[in-house]
């Protein structure tokens, strides 16, 4: 039940935060805000993967966590290189702050679990989290990005993260 609430909360944060509704050009997040939101989303999944590497018991869940760690670290490395190249400072904002707070709460909740219960909860959260982030990338962040290189990096990230969602769904189905 909490997993569903967590996914709904993530989606609500990503899609209803100021600047992400797209009501007008003035309401759109700026490129520095988009960069920070995207980077924060990656850090959240890196931290979740590190927790799963320590706590997961199922070999498929451990392998999935390794993939998440590798891929999200690589995308965040590319993002940092891009903002440095463009001389842009990512700008913290209400969306990235809310995502960080929710992720911290989720890590604490997952930390109380062990064994198969942890494995199932971690993977279910990964499915929900990737759905929410992919939806925000597709409908809000990519369309709002002004810089072509940032937009391209977000589009590449979306393709990778859609694959992550499918992978998580597959692992979740195997755990039932």
C-alpha atoms as a PDB file:
ATOM      1  CA  UNK A   1       0.000   0.000   0.000  1.00  0.00           C
ATOM      2  CA  UNK A   2       2.763   2.453   0.894  1.00  0.00           C
ATOM      3  CA  UNK A   3       4.495   1.692  -2.413  1.00  0.00           C
ATOM      4  CA  UNK A   4       1.434   2.872  -4.334  1.00  0.00           C
ATOM      5  CA  UNK A   5       1.193   5.983  -2.162  1.00  0.00           C
ATOM      6  CA  UNK A   6       4.907   6.601  -2.687  1.00  0.00           C
ATOM      7  CA  UNK A   7       4.505   6.417  -6.454  1.00  0.00           C
ATOM      8  CA  UNK A   8       1.491   8.671  -6.355  1.00  0.00           C
ATOM      9  CA  UNK A   9       3.369  11.143  -4.188  1.00  0.00           C
ATOM     10  CA  UNK A  10       6.373  11.125  -6.530  1.00  0.00           C
ATOM     11  CA  UNK A  11       4.124  11.691  -9.517  1.00  0.00           C
ATOM     12  CA  UNK A  12       2.263  14.453  -7.730  1.00  0.00           C
ATOM     13  CA  UNK A  13       5.515  16.144  -6.727  1.00  0.00           C
ATOM     14  CA  UNK A  14       6.967  15.891 -10.215  1.00  0.00           C
ATOM     15  CA  UNK A  15       3.853  16.939 -12.062  1.00  0.00           C
ATOM     16  CA  UNK A  16       2.222  19.470  -9.738  1.00  0.00           C
ATOM     17  CA  UNK A  17       5.198  21.370  -8.419  1.00  0.00           C
ATOM     18  CA  UNK A  18       5.403  25.009  -9.372  1.00  0.00           C
ATOM     19  CA  UNK A  19       6.806  25.283 -12.851  1.00  0.00           C
ATOM     20  CA  UNK A  20       5.965  21.757 -13.976  1.00  0.00           C
ATOM     21  CA  UNK A  21       2.347  22.194 -14.957  1.00  0.00           C
ATOM     22  CA  UNK A  22       3.175  24.017 -18.152  1.00  0.00           C
ATOM     23  CA  UNK A  23       0.301  26.481 -17.871  1.00  0.00           C
ATOM     24  CA  UNK A  24       2.381  29.136 -19.576  1.00  0.00           C
ATOM     25  CA  UNK A  25       5.932  29.764 -20.652  1.00  0.00           C
ATOM     26  CA  UNK A  26       6.495  31.723 -17.436  1.00  0.00           C
ATOM     27  CA  UNK A  27       5.509  28.647 -15.389  1.00  0.00           C
ATOM     28  CA  UNK A  28       8.003  26.326 -17.060  1.00  0.00           C
ATOM     29  CA  UNK A  29      11.042  25.276 -15.067  1.00  0.00           C
ATOM     30  CA  UNK A  30      14.279  26.852 -16.223  1.00  0.00           C
ATOM     31  CA  UNK A  31      17.125  24.767 -17.623  1.00  0.00           C
ATOM     32  CA  UNK A  32      19.113  25.109 -14.349  1.00  0.00           C
ATOM     33  CA  UNK A  33      16.050  23.888 -12.423  1.00  0.00           C
ATOM     34  CA  UNK A  34      15.494  21.016 -14.872  1.00  0.00           C
ATOM     35  CA  UNK A  35      19.154  20.021 -14.551  1.00  0.00           C
ATOM     36  CA  UNK A  36      18.838  19.948 -10.772  1.00  0.00           C
ATOM     37  CA  UNK A  37      15.597  17.942 -10.836  1.00  0.00           C
ATOM     38  CA  UNK A  38      17.073  15.383 -13.246  1.00  0.00           C
ATOM     39  CA  UNK A  39      20.322  15.117 -11.280  1.00  0.00           C
ATOM     40  CA  UNK A  40      18.404  14.765  -8.008  1.00  0.00           C
ATOM     41  CA  UNK A  41      16.253  11.991  -9.486  1.00  0.00           C
ATOM     42  CA  UNK A  42      19.444  10.154 -10.470  1.00  0.00           C
ATOM     43  CA  UNK A  43      21.009  10.577  -7.017  1.00  0.00           C
ATOM     44  CA  UNK A  44      17.842   9.206  -5.437  1.00  0.00           C
ATOM     45  CA  UNK A  45      18.078   6.032  -7.506  1.00  0.00           C
ATOM     46  CA  UNK A  46      21.821   5.738  -6.851  1.00  0.00           C
ATOM     47  CA  UNK A  47      21.175   5.839  -3.112  1.00  0.00           C
ATOM     48  CA  UNK A  48      18.364   3.291  -3.417  1.00  0.00           C
ATOM     49  CA  UNK A  49      20.632   0.993  -5.448  1.00  0.00           C
ATOM     50  CA  UNK A  50      23.393   1.255  -2.843  1.00  0.00           C
ATOM     51  CA  UNK A  51      20.913   0.309  -0.144  1.00  0.00           C
ATOM     52  CA  UNK A  52      19.709  -2.641  -2.233  1.00  0.00           C
ATOM     53  CA  UNK A  53      23.257  -3.832  -2.821  1.00  0.00           C
ATOM     54  CA  UNK A  54      23.644  -4.146   0.950  1.00  0.00           C
ATOM     55  CA  UNK A  55      20.210  -5.539   1.815  1.00  0.00           C
ATOM     56  CA  UNK A  56      18.892  -7.525  -1.156  1.00  0.00           C
ATOM     57  CA  UNK A  57      18.968 -11.309  -0.974  1.00  0.00           C
ATOM     58  CA  UNK A  58      17.631 -12.255  -4.412  1.00  0.00           C
ATOM     59  CA  UNK A  59      20.349 -12.451  -7.096  1.00  0.00           C
ATOM     60  CA  UNK A  60      18.125 -10.774  -9.722  1.00  0.00           C
ATOM     61  CA  UNK A  61      17.368  -7.903  -7.366  1.00  0.00           C
ATOM     62  CA  UNK A  62      21.087  -7.497  -6.623  1.00  0.00           C
ATOM     63  CA  UNK A  63      21.878  -7.503 -10.361  1.00  0.00           C
ATOM     64  CA  UNK A  64      19.129  -4.952 -11.001  1.00  0.00           C
ATOM     65  CA  UNK A  65      20.543  -2.703  -8.266  1.00  0.00           C
ATOM     66  CA  UNK A  66      24.002  -2.953  -9.857  1.00  0.00           C
ATOM     67  CA  UNK A  67      22.518  -1.878 -13.198  1.00  0.00           C
ATOM     68  CA  UNK A  68      20.746   1.080 -11.548  1.00  0.00           C
ATOM     69  CA  UNK A  69      23.931   2.198  -9.832  1.00  0.00           C
ATOM     70  CA  UNK A  70      26.035   1.960 -12.988  1.00  0.00           C
ATOM     71  CA  UNK A  71      23.517   3.620 -15.313  1.00  0.00           C
ATOM     72  CA  UNK A  72      22.423   6.444 -13.023  1.00  0.00           C
ATOM     73  CA  UNK A  73      26.007   7.282 -12.074  1.00  0.00           C
ATOM     74  CA  UNK A  74      26.922   7.403 -15.780  1.00  0.00           C
ATOM     75  CA  UNK A  75      23.994   9.671 -16.688  1.00  0.00           C
ATOM     76  CA  UNK A  76      24.687  11.963 -13.734  1.00  0.00           C
ATOM     77  CA  UNK A  77      28.343  12.147 -14.758  1.00  0.00           C
ATOM     78  CA  UNK A  78      27.236  13.218 -18.249  1.00  0.00           C
ATOM     79  CA  UNK A  79      24.855  15.758 -16.739  1.00  0.00           C
ATOM     80  CA  UNK A  80      27.617  17.289 -14.600  1.00  0.00           C
ATOM     81  CA  UNK A  81      29.927  17.480 -17.611  1.00  0.00           C
ATOM     82  CA  UNK A  82      27.197  19.188 -19.631  1.00  0.00           C
ATOM     83  CA  UNK A  83      26.375  21.826 -17.019  1.00  0.00           C
ATOM     84  CA  UNK A  84      30.093  22.526 -16.616  1.00  0.00           C
ATOM     85  CA  UNK A  85      30.503  22.850 -20.398  1.00  0.00           C
ATOM     86  CA  UNK A  86      27.505  25.178 -20.618  1.00  0.00           C
ATOM     87  CA  UNK A  87      28.655  27.110 -17.549  1.00  0.00           C
ATOM     88  CA  UNK A  88      25.258  26.524 -15.906  1.00  0.00           C
ATOM     89  CA  UNK A  89      24.746  26.106 -12.186  1.00  0.00           C
ATOM     90  CA  UNK A  90      21.937  23.646 -11.405  1.00  0.00           C
ATOM     91  CA  UNK A  91      19.325  25.438  -9.338  1.00  0.00           C
ATOM     92  CA  UNK A  92      17.743  23.784  -6.326  1.00  0.00           C
ATOM     93  CA  UNK A  93      13.974  24.166  -6.337  1.00  0.00           C
ATOM     94  CA  UNK A  94      10.800  22.995  -4.620  1.00  0.00           C
ATOM     95  CA  UNK A  95      10.547  19.893  -6.812  1.00  0.00           C
ATOM     96  CA  UNK A  96      14.082  18.652  -6.161  1.00  0.00           C
ATOM     97  CA  UNK A  97      13.725  19.411  -2.432  1.00  0.00           C
ATOM     98  CA  UNK A  98      10.435  17.494  -2.218  1.00  0.00           C
ATOM     99  CA  UNK A  99      11.897  14.549  -4.136  1.00  0.00           C
ATOM    100  CA  UNK A 100      14.899  14.408  -1.794  1.00  0.00           C
ATOM    101  CA  UNK A 101      12.692  14.480   1.298  1.00  0.00           C
ATOM    102  CA  UNK A 102      10.410  11.756  -0.010  1.00  0.00           C
ATOM    103  CA  UNK A 103      13.389   9.601  -1.006  1.00  0.00           C
ATOM    104  CA  UNK A 104      14.946   9.958   2.426  1.00  0.00           C
ATOM    105  CA  UNK A 105      11.686   8.818   4.023  1.00  0.00           C
ATOM    106  CA  UNK A 106      11.467   5.877   1.598  1.00  0.00           C
ATOM    107  CA  UNK A 107      15.041   4.749   2.308  1.00  0.00           C
ATOM    108  CA  UNK A 108      14.263   4.797   6.029  1.00  0.00           C
ATOM    109  CA  UNK A 109      11.140   2.704   5.446  1.00  0.00           C
ATOM    110  CA  UNK A 110      12.996   0.183   3.279  1.00  0.00           C
ATOM    111  CA  UNK A 111      15.824  -0.003   5.798  1.00  0.00           C
ATOM    112  CA  UNK A 112      13.397  -1.586   8.294  1.00  0.00           C
ATOM    113  CA  UNK A 113      12.743  -4.498   5.916  1.00  0.00           C
ATOM    114  CA  UNK A 114      14.874  -7.538   5.207  1.00  0.00           C
ATOM    115  CA  UNK A 115      14.979 -10.607   3.010  1.00  0.00           C
ATOM    116  CA  UNK A 116      12.190 -11.197   0.520  1.00  0.00           C
ATOM    117  CA  UNK A 117      10.125  -8.356   2.004  1.00  0.00           C
ATOM    118  CA  UNK A 118      12.920  -5.883   1.233  1.00  0.00           C
ATOM    119  CA  UNK A 119      13.476  -7.306  -2.249  1.00  0.00           C
ATOM    120  CA  UNK A 120       9.795  -6.989  -3.179  1.00  0.00           C
ATOM    121  CA  UNK A 121       9.402  -3.520  -1.691  1.00  0.00           C
ATOM    122  CA  UNK A 122      12.590  -2.217  -3.334  1.00  0.00           C
ATOM    123  CA  UNK A 123      11.653  -3.500  -6.789  1.00  0.00           C
ATOM    124  CA  UNK A 124       8.038  -2.323  -6.484  1.00  0.00           C
ATOM    125  CA  UNK A 125       9.312   1.129  -5.530  1.00  0.00           C
ATOM    126  CA  UNK A 126      11.699   1.111  -8.493  1.00  0.00           C
ATOM    127  CA  UNK A 127       8.817   0.339 -10.867  1.00  0.00           C
ATOM    128  CA  UNK A 128       6.709   3.142  -9.397  1.00  0.00           C
ATOM    129  CA  UNK A 129       9.600   5.606  -9.226  1.00  0.00           C
ATOM    130  CA  UNK A 130      10.668   5.025 -12.831  1.00  0.00           C
ATOM    131  CA  UNK A 131       7.063   5.404 -14.021  1.00  0.00           C
ATOM    132  CA  UNK A 132       6.781   8.751 -12.242  1.00  0.00           C
ATOM    133  CA  UNK A 133      10.163  10.066 -13.387  1.00  0.00           C
ATOM    134  CA  UNK A 134       9.682   8.851 -16.964  1.00  0.00           C
ATOM    135  CA  UNK A 135       6.279  10.524 -17.086  1.00  0.00           C
ATOM    136  CA  UNK A 136       7.737  13.802 -15.834  1.00  0.00           C
ATOM    137  CA  UNK A 137      10.620  13.624 -18.300  1.00  0.00           C
ATOM    138  CA  UNK A 138       8.294  12.926 -21.201  1.00  0.00           C
ATOM    139  CA  UNK A 139       5.519  15.394 -20.450  1.00  0.00           C
ATOM    140  CA  UNK A 140       7.228  18.196 -18.539  1.00  0.00           C
ATOM    141  CA  UNK A 141      11.017  18.301 -18.320  1.00  0.00           C
ATOM    142  CA  UNK A 142      11.970  17.510 -21.923  1.00  0.00           C
ATOM    143  CA  UNK A 143       9.335  19.838 -23.434  1.00  0.00           C
ATOM    144  CA  UNK A 144      10.390  22.611 -21.021  1.00  0.00           C
ATOM    145  CA  UNK A 145      14.130  22.356 -21.706  1.00  0.00           C
ATOM    146  CA  UNK A 146      15.429  25.233 -23.840  1.00  0.00           C
ATOM    147  CA  UNK A 147      18.998  24.101 -24.441  1.00  0.00           C
ATOM    148  CA  UNK A 148      19.289  21.505 -27.221  1.00  0.00           C
ATOM    149  CA  UNK A 149      22.111  19.597 -25.484  1.00  0.00           C
ATOM    150  CA  UNK A 150      20.177  19.399 -22.216  1.00  0.00           C
ATOM    151  CA  UNK A 151      17.073  18.264 -24.103  1.00  0.00           C
ATOM    152  CA  UNK A 152      19.130  15.593 -25.889  1.00  0.00           C
ATOM    153  CA  UNK A 153      20.622  14.321 -22.620  1.00  0.00           C
ATOM    154  CA  UNK A 154      17.142  14.145 -21.072  1.00  0.00           C
ATOM    155  CA  UNK A 155      15.844  12.240 -24.123  1.00  0.00           C
ATOM    156  CA  UNK A 156      18.730   9.769 -23.870  1.00  0.00           C
ATOM    157  CA  UNK A 157      18.066   9.407 -20.161  1.00  0.00           C
ATOM    158  CA  UNK A 158      14.381   8.764 -20.830  1.00  0.00           C
ATOM    159  CA  UNK A 159      15.217   5.867 -23.171  1.00  0.00           C
ATOM    160  CA  UNK A 160      17.555   4.353 -20.582  1.00  0.00           C
ATOM    161  CA  UNK A 161      15.061   4.836 -17.753  1.00  0.00           C
ATOM    162  CA  UNK A 162      12.197   3.349 -19.766  1.00  0.00           C
ATOM    163  CA  UNK A 163      14.397   0.274 -20.063  1.00  0.00           C
ATOM    164  CA  UNK A 164      14.931   0.395 -16.291  1.00  0.00           C
ATOM    165  CA  UNK A 165      11.179   0.469 -15.745  1.00  0.00           C
ATOM    166  CA  UNK A 166      10.711  -2.587 -17.976  1.00  0.00           C
ATOM    167  CA  UNK A 167      13.575  -4.375 -16.222  1.00  0.00           C
ATOM    168  CA  UNK A 168      12.090  -3.567 -12.801  1.00  0.00           C
ATOM    169  CA  UNK A 169       8.657  -4.799 -13.934  1.00  0.00           C
ATOM    170  CA  UNK A 170      10.243  -8.058 -15.108  1.00  0.00           C
ATOM    171  CA  UNK A 171      12.103  -8.574 -11.818  1.00  0.00           C
ATOM    172  CA  UNK A 172       8.942  -7.723  -9.855  1.00  0.00           C
ATOM    173  CA  UNK A 173       6.947 -10.312 -11.815  1.00  0.00           C
ATOM    174  CA  UNK A 174       9.591 -12.952 -11.038  1.00  0.00           C
ATOM    175  CA  UNK A 175       9.420 -12.197  -7.301  1.00  0.00           C
ATOM    176  CA  UNK A 176       5.689 -12.971  -7.004  1.00  0.00           C
END
